[in-house]
PDB file of N, CA and C in Angstrom:
ATOM      1  N   MET A   1       0.849  -1.193  -0.271  1.00  0.00           N
ATOM      2  CA  MET A   1      -0.048   0.025  -0.219  1.00  0.00           C
ATOM      3  C   MET A   1       0.960   1.070  -0.102  1.00  0.00           C
ATOM      4  N   GLY A   2       1.131   2.350  -0.671  1.00  0.00           N
ATOM      5  CA  GLY A   2       1.016   3.269  -1.161  1.00  0.00           C
ATOM      6  C   GLY A   2       0.679   4.343   0.291  1.00  0.00           C
ATOM      7  N   ALA A   3       0.477   5.674  -0.119  1.00  0.00           N
ATOM      8  CA  ALA A   3       0.732   7.265   0.077  1.00  0.00           C
ATOM      9  C   ALA A   3      -0.955   7.191  -0.462  1.00  0.00           C
ATOM     10  N   GLY A   4      -1.115   6.894  -1.493  1.00  0.00           N
ATOM     11  CA  GLY A   4      -2.942   6.894  -2.513  1.00  0.00           C
ATOM     12  C   GLY A   4      -3.445   6.073  -2.372  1.00  0.00           C
ATOM     13  N   ASP A   5      -3.073   5.203  -1.870  1.00  0.00           N
ATOM     14  CA  ASP A   5      -3.992   4.129  -1.263  1.00  0.00           C
ATOM     15  C   ASP A   5      -4.408   4.119  -0.075  1.00  0.00           C
ATOM     16  N   ILE A   6      -3.637   5.121   0.614  1.00  0.00           N
ATOM     17  CA  ILE A   6      -4.012   5.326   2.232  1.00  0.00           C
ATOM     18  C   ILE A   6      -5.147   6.366   2.685  1.00  0.00           C
ATOM     19  N   LYS A   7      -4.796   7.137   1.114  1.00  0.00           N
ATOM     20  CA  LYS A   7      -5.678   8.685   1.326  1.00  0.00           C
ATOM     21  C   LYS A   7      -7.089   7.671   0.467  1.00  0.00           C
ATOM     22  N   LEU A   8      -7.052   6.794  -0.285  1.00  0.00           N
ATOM     23  CA  LEU A   8      -8.271   6.811  -0.932  1.00  0.00           C
ATOM     24  C   LEU A   8      -9.362   5.355   0.381  1.00  0.00           C
ATOM     25  N   VAL A   9      -8.275   5.055   1.034  1.00  0.00           N
ATOM     26  CA  VAL A   9      -9.290   4.508   2.101  1.00  0.00           C
ATOM     27  C   VAL A   9      -9.590   5.777   3.007  1.00  0.00           C
ATOM     28  N   PHE A  10      -9.055   6.868   3.149  1.00  0.00           N
ATOM     29  CA  PHE A  10      -9.926   7.637   4.108  1.00  0.00           C
ATOM     30  C   PHE A  10     -10.772   8.238   3.672  1.00  0.00           C
ATOM     31  N   LEU A  11     -10.649   8.394   2.160  1.00  0.00           N
ATOM     32  CA  LEU A  11     -11.944   8.771   1.626  1.00  0.00           C
ATOM     33  C   LEU A  11     -13.626   8.073   1.221  1.00  0.00           C
ATOM     34  N   MET A  12     -12.913   6.352   0.895  1.00  0.00           N
ATOM     35  CA  MET A  12     -13.798   5.626   1.590  1.00  0.00           C
ATOM     36  C   MET A  12     -14.076   5.413   2.733  1.00  0.00           C
ATOM     37  N   GLY A  13     -13.699   5.400   4.192  1.00  0.00           N
ATOM     38  CA  GLY A  13     -13.831   5.524   5.471  1.00  0.00           C
ATOM     39  C   GLY A  13     -15.243   6.634   5.457  1.00  0.00           C
ATOM     40  N   LEU A  14     -15.139   8.023   4.711  1.00  0.00           N
ATOM     41  CA  LEU A  14     -15.917   9.289   4.313  1.00  0.00           C
ATOM     42  C   LEU A  14     -16.937   8.374   4.136  1.00  0.00           C
ATOM     43  N   PHE A  15     -17.110   8.341   3.029  1.00  0.00           N
ATOM     44  CA  PHE A  15     -18.050   7.837   2.175  1.00  0.00           C
ATOM     45  C   PHE A  15     -18.754   6.829   2.877  1.00  0.00           C
ATOM     46  N   LEU A  16     -18.381   5.069   3.554  1.00  0.00           N
ATOM     47  CA  LEU A  16     -19.200   4.241   3.682  1.00  0.00           C
ATOM     48  C   LEU A  16     -19.773   4.320   4.524  1.00  0.00           C
ATOM     49  N   GLY A  17     -18.922   5.340   6.144  1.00  0.00           N
ATOM     50  CA  GLY A  17     -19.204   4.868   7.113  1.00  0.00           C
ATOM     51  C   GLY A  17     -18.287   3.819   7.975  1.00  0.00           C
ATOM     52  N   PHE A  18     -18.308   3.949   9.310  1.00  0.00           N
ATOM     53  CA  PHE A  18     -17.353   3.150  10.307  1.00  0.00           C
ATOM     54  C   PHE A  18     -17.664   1.463   9.520  1.00  0.00           C
ATOM     55  N   PRO A  19     -18.975   0.584   9.782  1.00  0.00           N
ATOM     56  CA  PRO A  19     -19.229  -0.528   9.424  1.00  0.00           C
ATOM     57  C   PRO A  19     -18.493  -1.078   7.736  1.00  0.00           C
ATOM     58  N   LYS A  20     -19.574   0.199   7.346  1.00  0.00           N
ATOM     59  CA  LYS A  20     -19.522  -0.720   6.091  1.00  0.00           C
ATOM     60  C   LYS A  20     -17.682  -0.499   5.663  1.00  0.00           C
ATOM     61  N   ILE A  21     -17.192   0.451   6.479  1.00  0.00           N
ATOM     62  CA  ILE A  21     -15.604  -0.050   5.797  1.00  0.00           C
ATOM     63  C   ILE A  21     -14.886  -1.010   5.983  1.00  0.00           C
ATOM     64  N   LEU A  22     -15.191  -1.829   7.740  1.00  0.00           N
ATOM     65  CA  LEU A  22     -14.592  -2.495   7.629  1.00  0.00           C
ATOM     66  C   LEU A  22     -14.786  -3.354   6.384  1.00  0.00           C
ATOM     67  N   VAL A  23     -16.007  -4.284   5.824  1.00  0.00           N
ATOM     68  CA  VAL A  23     -16.638  -4.899   4.752  1.00  0.00           C
ATOM     69  C   VAL A  23     -15.978  -5.076   3.125  1.00  0.00           C
ATOM     70  N   ALA A  24     -15.912  -3.576   3.020  1.00  0.00           N
ATOM     71  CA  ALA A  24     -15.287  -2.942   1.966  1.00  0.00           C
ATOM     72  C   ALA A  24     -12.870  -3.538   2.333  1.00  0.00           C
ATOM     73  N   LEU A  25     -12.919  -3.129   3.773  1.00  0.00           N
ATOM     74  CA  LEU A  25     -11.289  -2.899   3.548  1.00  0.00           C
ATOM     75  C   LEU A  25     -11.859  -4.791   3.728  1.00  0.00           C
ATOM     76  N   PHE A  26     -12.098  -5.497   3.858  1.00  0.00           N
ATOM     77  CA  PHE A  26     -11.894  -6.864   4.472  1.00  0.00           C
ATOM     78  C   PHE A  26     -11.945  -7.377   2.487  1.00  0.00           C
ATOM     79  N   PHE A  27     -13.315  -7.591   1.696  1.00  0.00           N
ATOM     80  CA  PHE A  27     -12.869  -7.947   0.594  1.00  0.00           C
ATOM     81  C   PHE A  27     -12.020  -7.176  -0.451  1.00  0.00           C
ATOM     82  N   SER A  28     -11.556  -5.907  -0.270  1.00  0.00           N
ATOM     83  CA  SER A  28     -10.392  -4.908  -1.120  1.00  0.00           C
ATOM     84  C   SER A  28      -8.984  -6.381  -1.477  1.00  0.00           C
ATOM     85  N   PHE A  29      -8.966  -7.235   0.072  1.00  0.00           N
ATOM     86  CA  PHE A  29      -7.812  -7.794   0.844  1.00  0.00           C
ATOM     87  C   PHE A  29      -7.982  -8.987   0.441  1.00  0.00           C
ATOM     88  N   PHE A  30      -9.091  -9.252   0.542  1.00  0.00           N
ATOM     89  CA  PHE A  30      -9.278 -10.619   0.187  1.00  0.00           C
ATOM     90  C   PHE A  30      -9.316 -10.764  -1.305  1.00  0.00           C
ATOM     91  N   LEU A  31     -10.429  -9.752  -2.173  1.00  0.00           N
ATOM     92  CA  LEU A  31     -10.123 -10.493  -3.716  1.00  0.00           C
ATOM     93  C   LEU A  31      -8.823  -9.277  -4.388  1.00  0.00           C
ATOM     94  N   GLY A  32      -7.940  -8.535  -3.555  1.00  0.00           N
ATOM     95  CA  GLY A  32      -6.488  -8.663  -3.822  1.00  0.00           C
ATOM     96  C   GLY A  32      -5.483  -9.617  -4.028  1.00  0.00           C
ATOM     97  N   ALA A  33      -5.872 -10.569  -2.740  1.00  0.00           N
ATOM     98  CA  ALA A  33      -4.525 -12.060  -2.219  1.00  0.00           C
ATOM     99  C   ALA A  33      -5.544 -13.299  -3.427  1.00  0.00           C
ATOM    100  N   ILE A  34      -6.155 -13.121  -3.926  1.00  0.00           N
ATOM    101  CA  ILE A  34      -6.982 -14.190  -4.806  1.00  0.00           C
ATOM    102  C   ILE A  34      -6.358 -13.799  -5.883  1.00  0.00           C
ATOM    103  N   ILE A  35      -6.759 -12.826  -6.604  1.00  0.00           N
ATOM    104  CA  ILE A  35      -5.805 -12.460  -8.363  1.00  0.00           C
ATOM    105  C   ILE A  35      -4.451 -11.813  -8.018  1.00  0.00           C
ATOM    106  N   GLY A  36      -3.732 -12.267  -6.712  1.00  0.00           N
ATOM    107  CA  GLY A  36      -2.746 -11.629  -6.789  1.00  0.00           C
ATOM    108  C   GLY A  36      -1.978 -13.568  -6.776  1.00  0.00           C
ATOM    109  N   ILE A  37      -2.533 -13.793  -6.065  1.00  0.00           N
ATOM    110  CA  ILE A  37      -2.458 -15.300  -6.112  1.00  0.00           C
ATOM    111  C   ILE A  37      -2.318 -16.156  -7.340  1.00  0.00           C
ATOM    112  N   GLY A  38      -3.183 -16.038  -8.242  1.00  0.00           N
ATOM    113  CA  GLY A  38      -3.487 -16.167  -9.859  1.00  0.00           C
ATOM    114  C   GLY A  38      -2.702 -15.639 -10.565  1.00  0.00           C
ATOM    115  N   LEU A  39      -1.979 -14.572 -10.720  1.00  0.00           N
ATOM    116  CA  LEU A  39      -1.060 -14.214 -10.770  1.00  0.00           C
ATOM    117  C   LEU A  39       0.611 -14.724 -10.696  1.00  0.00           C
ATOM    118  N   ILE A  40       0.608 -14.719  -9.491  1.00  0.00           N
ATOM    119  CA  ILE A  40       1.972 -15.590  -9.691  1.00  0.00           C
ATOM    120  C   ILE A  40       1.678 -17.393 -10.073  1.00  0.00           C
ATOM    121  N   ILE A  41       0.587 -18.396  -9.657  1.00  0.00           N
ATOM    122  CA  ILE A  41       0.580 -19.370 -10.234  1.00  0.00           C
ATOM    123  C   ILE A  41       0.571 -19.597 -12.335  1.00  0.00           C
ATOM    124  N   ALA A  42       0.059 -17.847 -12.312  1.00  0.00           N
ATOM    125  CA  ALA A  42      -0.066 -18.229 -14.272  1.00  0.00           C
ATOM    126  C   ALA A  42       1.286 -17.230 -14.858  1.00  0.00           C
ATOM    127  N   GLN A  43       2.127 -17.431 -13.747  1.00  0.00           N
ATOM    128  CA  GLN A  43       4.090 -17.100 -13.279  1.00  0.00           C
ATOM    129  C   GLN A  43       3.647 -14.871 -14.657  1.00  0.00           C
ATOM    130  N   LYS A  44       2.196 -14.548 -14.656  1.00  0.00           N
ATOM    131  CA  LYS A  44       2.339 -13.337 -14.694  1.00  0.00           C
ATOM    132  C   LYS A  44       3.073 -12.518 -14.108  1.00  0.00           C
ATOM    133  N   LYS A  45       3.607 -12.543 -12.968  1.00  0.00           N
ATOM    134  CA  LYS A  45       3.886 -11.928 -11.992  1.00  0.00           C
ATOM    135  C   LYS A  45       5.142 -12.808 -10.941  1.00  0.00           C
ATOM    136  N   SER A  46       6.279 -12.039 -10.013  1.00  0.00           N
ATOM    137  CA  SER A  46       6.370 -12.702  -9.263  1.00  0.00           C
ATOM    138  C   SER A  46       6.129 -12.265  -7.859  1.00  0.00           C
ATOM    139  N   LEU A  47       7.025 -12.630  -6.556  1.00  0.00           N
ATOM    140  CA  LEU A  47       6.410 -12.799  -5.330  1.00  0.00           C
ATOM    141  C   LEU A  47       7.057 -10.693  -4.937  1.00  0.00           C
ATOM    142  N   LYS A  48       7.987 -10.781  -6.099  1.00  0.00           N
ATOM    143  CA  LYS A  48       8.647  -9.330  -5.916  1.00  0.00           C
ATOM    144  C   LYS A  48       8.015  -8.316  -6.117  1.00  0.00           C
ATOM    145  N   SER A  49       6.653  -8.409  -7.715  1.00  0.00           N
ATOM    146  CA  SER A  49       6.145  -7.735  -8.056  1.00  0.00           C
ATOM    147  C   SER A  49       5.255  -6.673  -7.360  1.00  0.00           C
ATOM    148  N   GLU A  50       5.140  -5.876  -8.012  1.00  0.00           N
ATOM    149  CA  GLU A  50       3.732  -5.003  -7.479  1.00  0.00           C
ATOM    150  C   GLU A  50       2.320  -5.282  -8.033  1.00  0.00           C
ATOM    151  N   VAL A  51       1.975  -5.346  -7.334  1.00  0.00           N
ATOM    152  CA  VAL A  51       0.326  -5.417  -8.044  1.00  0.00           C
ATOM    153  C   VAL A  51      -0.705  -3.585  -7.608  1.00  0.00           C
ATOM    154  N   PRO A  52      -0.970  -2.864  -8.564  1.00  0.00           N
ATOM    155  CA  PRO A  52      -1.578  -1.552  -8.003  1.00  0.00           C
ATOM    156  C   PRO A  52      -2.459  -2.436  -7.093  1.00  0.00           C
ATOM    157  N   PHE A  53      -3.367  -1.570  -6.057  1.00  0.00           N
ATOM    158  CA  PHE A  53      -4.173  -1.836  -4.863  1.00  0.00           C
ATOM    159  C   PHE A  53      -5.420  -0.956  -5.190  1.00  0.00           C
ATOM    160  N   ALA A  54      -5.260  -0.016  -5.878  1.00  0.00           N
ATOM    161  CA  ALA A  54      -7.006   1.170  -6.174  1.00  0.00           C
ATOM    162  C   ALA A  54      -8.156   0.167  -6.672  1.00  0.00           C
ATOM    163  N   PRO A  55      -7.436  -0.016  -7.553  1.00  0.00           N
ATOM    164  CA  PRO A  55      -8.116  -0.769  -8.608  1.00  0.00           C
ATOM    165  C   PRO A  55      -9.652  -2.163  -7.198  1.00  0.00           C
ATOM    166  N   PHE A  56      -8.713  -2.492  -6.263  1.00  0.00           N
ATOM    167  CA  PHE A  56      -9.336  -3.496  -5.142  1.00  0.00           C
ATOM    168  C   PHE A  56      -9.663  -2.956  -4.328  1.00  0.00           C
ATOM    169  N   LEU A  57      -9.355  -1.333  -4.007  1.00  0.00           N
ATOM    170  CA  LEU A  57     -10.060  -1.104  -3.062  1.00  0.00           C
ATOM    171  C   LEU A  57     -11.359  -0.358  -4.029  1.00  0.00           C
ATOM    172  N   ALA A  58     -11.458  -0.102  -4.804  1.00  0.00           N
ATOM    173  CA  ALA A  58     -12.768   0.642  -5.743  1.00  0.00           C
ATOM    174  C   ALA A  58     -13.489  -0.402  -5.827  1.00  0.00           C
ATOM    175  N   ALA A  59     -13.106  -1.800  -6.237  1.00  0.00           N
ATOM    176  CA  ALA A  59     -14.429  -2.848  -6.618  1.00  0.00           C
ATOM    177  C   ALA A  59     -14.470  -2.608  -4.345  1.00  0.00           C
ATOM    178  N   GLY A  60     -14.365  -2.901  -3.878  1.00  0.00           N
ATOM    179  CA  GLY A  60     -14.640  -2.960  -2.471  1.00  0.00           C
ATOM    180  C   GLY A  60     -16.124  -1.847  -1.590  1.00  0.00           C
ATOM    181  N   THR A  61     -15.142  -0.570  -1.980  1.00  0.00           N
ATOM    182  CA  THR A  61     -16.162   0.491  -2.123  1.00  0.00           C
ATOM    183  C   THR A  61     -17.473   0.099  -2.605  1.00  0.00           C
ATOM    184  N   LEU A  62     -17.235  -0.881  -3.958  1.00  0.00           N
ATOM    185  CA  LEU A  62     -18.743  -1.023  -4.651  1.00  0.00           C
ATOM    186  C   LEU A  62     -19.294  -1.958  -3.813  1.00  0.00           C
ATOM    187  N   PHE A  63     -18.352  -3.173  -4.333  1.00  0.00           N
ATOM    188  CA  PHE A  63     -19.361  -4.265  -3.071  1.00  0.00           C
ATOM    189  C   PHE A  63     -19.753  -3.767  -1.311  1.00  0.00           C
ATOM    190  N   ALA A  64     -19.192  -3.241  -1.100  1.00  0.00           N
ATOM    191  CA  ALA A  64     -19.434  -2.529   0.707  1.00  0.00           C
ATOM    192  C   ALA A  64     -21.357  -1.844   0.238  1.00  0.00           C
ATOM    193  N   MET A  65     -20.895  -1.024  -0.384  1.00  0.00           N
ATOM    194  CA  MET A  65     -21.784   0.037  -0.980  1.00  0.00           C
ATOM    195  C   MET A  65     -23.437  -0.488  -1.590  1.00  0.00           C
ATOM    196  N   PHE A  66     -23.562  -1.914  -1.950  1.00  0.00           N
ATOM    197  CA  PHE A  66     -24.351  -2.226  -2.499  1.00  0.00           C
ATOM    198  C   PHE A  66     -24.790  -3.854  -1.287  1.00  0.00           C
ATOM    199  N   PHE A  67     -23.707  -4.030  -1.144  1.00  0.00           N
ATOM    200  CA  PHE A  67     -24.173  -5.787   0.037  1.00  0.00           C
ATOM    201  C   PHE A  67     -23.221  -5.574   1.480  1.00  0.00           C
ATOM    202  N   GLY A  68     -23.152  -4.325   1.920  1.00  0.00           N
ATOM    203  CA  GLY A  68     -22.298  -4.102   3.148  1.00  0.00           C
ATOM    204  C   GLY A  68     -23.252  -4.451   3.983  1.00  0.00           C
ATOM    205  N   GLY A  69     -24.478  -3.988   4.088  1.00  0.00           N
ATOM    206  CA  GLY A  69     -25.710  -4.244   5.241  1.00  0.00           C
ATOM    207  C   GLY A  69     -25.814  -5.767   4.855  1.00  0.00           C
ATOM    208  N   GLN A  70     -25.814  -6.542   4.607  1.00  0.00           N
ATOM    209  CA  GLN A  70     -26.624  -7.671   4.307  1.00  0.00           C
ATOM    210  C   GLN A  70     -25.589  -8.553   4.596  1.00  0.00           C
ATOM    211  N   VAL A  71     -23.764  -8.877   4.350  1.00  0.00           N
ATOM    212  CA  VAL A  71     -22.544  -8.951   5.400  1.00  0.00           C
ATOM    213  C   VAL A  71     -22.693  -8.599   7.018  1.00  0.00           C
ATOM    214  N   ILE A  72     -22.777  -7.609   6.741  1.00  0.00           N
ATOM    215  CA  ILE A  72     -22.883  -7.195   8.631  1.00  0.00           C
ATOM    216  C   ILE A  72     -23.887  -8.166   8.941  1.00  0.00           C
ATOM    217  N   ASN A  73     -24.607  -8.316   8.912  1.00  0.00           N
ATOM    218  CA  ASN A  73     -26.067  -8.761   9.481  1.00  0.00           C
ATOM    219  C   ASN A  73     -25.855 -10.598   9.396  1.00  0.00           C
ATOM    220  N   PHE A  74     -25.439 -11.045   8.276  1.00  0.00           N
ATOM    221  CA  PHE A  74     -25.694 -12.283   8.546  1.00  0.00           C
ATOM    222  C   PHE A  74     -24.180 -12.681   9.404  1.00  0.00           C
ATOM    223  N   TYR A  75     -23.144 -11.787   9.644  1.00  0.00           N
ATOM    224  CA  TYR A  75     -21.734 -12.145  10.575  1.00  0.00           C
ATOM    225  C   TYR A  75     -22.420 -11.927  11.666  1.00  0.00           C
ATOM    226  N   LEU A  76     -23.395 -10.693  12.230  1.00  0.00           N
ATOM    227  CA  LEU A  76     -23.409 -11.149  13.425  1.00  0.00           C
ATOM    228  C   LEU A  76     -24.742 -12.122  13.624  1.00  0.00           C
ATOM    229  N   ALA A  77     -25.175 -11.871  12.925  1.00  0.00           N
ATOM    230  CA  ALA A  77     -26.409 -14.009  12.893  1.00  0.00           C
ATOM    231  C   ALA A  77     -25.576 -14.959  13.292  1.00  0.00           C
ATOM    232  N   ALA A  78     -24.322 -14.789  12.339  1.00  0.00           N
ATOM    233  CA  ALA A  78     -23.361 -15.881  13.263  1.00  0.00           C
ATOM    234  C   ALA A  78     -22.999 -16.140  14.774  1.00  0.00           C
ATOM    235  N   LEU A  79     -22.935 -14.490  14.730  1.00  0.00           N
ATOM    236  CA  LEU A  79     -22.193 -14.986  15.591  1.00  0.00           C
ATOM    237  C   LEU A  79     -22.808 -15.285  17.334  1.00  0.00           C
ATOM    238  N   GLY A  80     -24.398 -14.940  16.396  1.00  0.00           N
ATOM    239  CA  GLY A  80     -25.499 -15.287  17.762  1.00  0.00           C
ATOM    240  C   GLY A  80     -25.302 -14.090  18.384  1.00  0.00           C
ATOM    241  N   VAL A  81     -25.325 -12.752  17.738  1.00  0.00           N
ATOM    242  CA  VAL A  81     -25.520 -11.211  18.814  1.00  0.00           C
ATOM    243  C   VAL A  81     -26.774 -10.857  18.015  1.00  0.00           C
TER     244      VAL A  81
END
């Protein structure tokens, strides 16, 4: 994560609010990890390569906007809260 990504996360937090920013960040890191592992397996990137993180943050923001409430409710119901 670079300085630009940190600024983008700050704006995401202002836009989404507290509970949904957690969903957005989790989804962003998860999606980035899956794509990164896929690129390494396909030998398109190596372990030392850099992959831009902003597209994953944008995808996480969209996911949290549309499905964040449902994910939070599902998680809380699974915990029994």
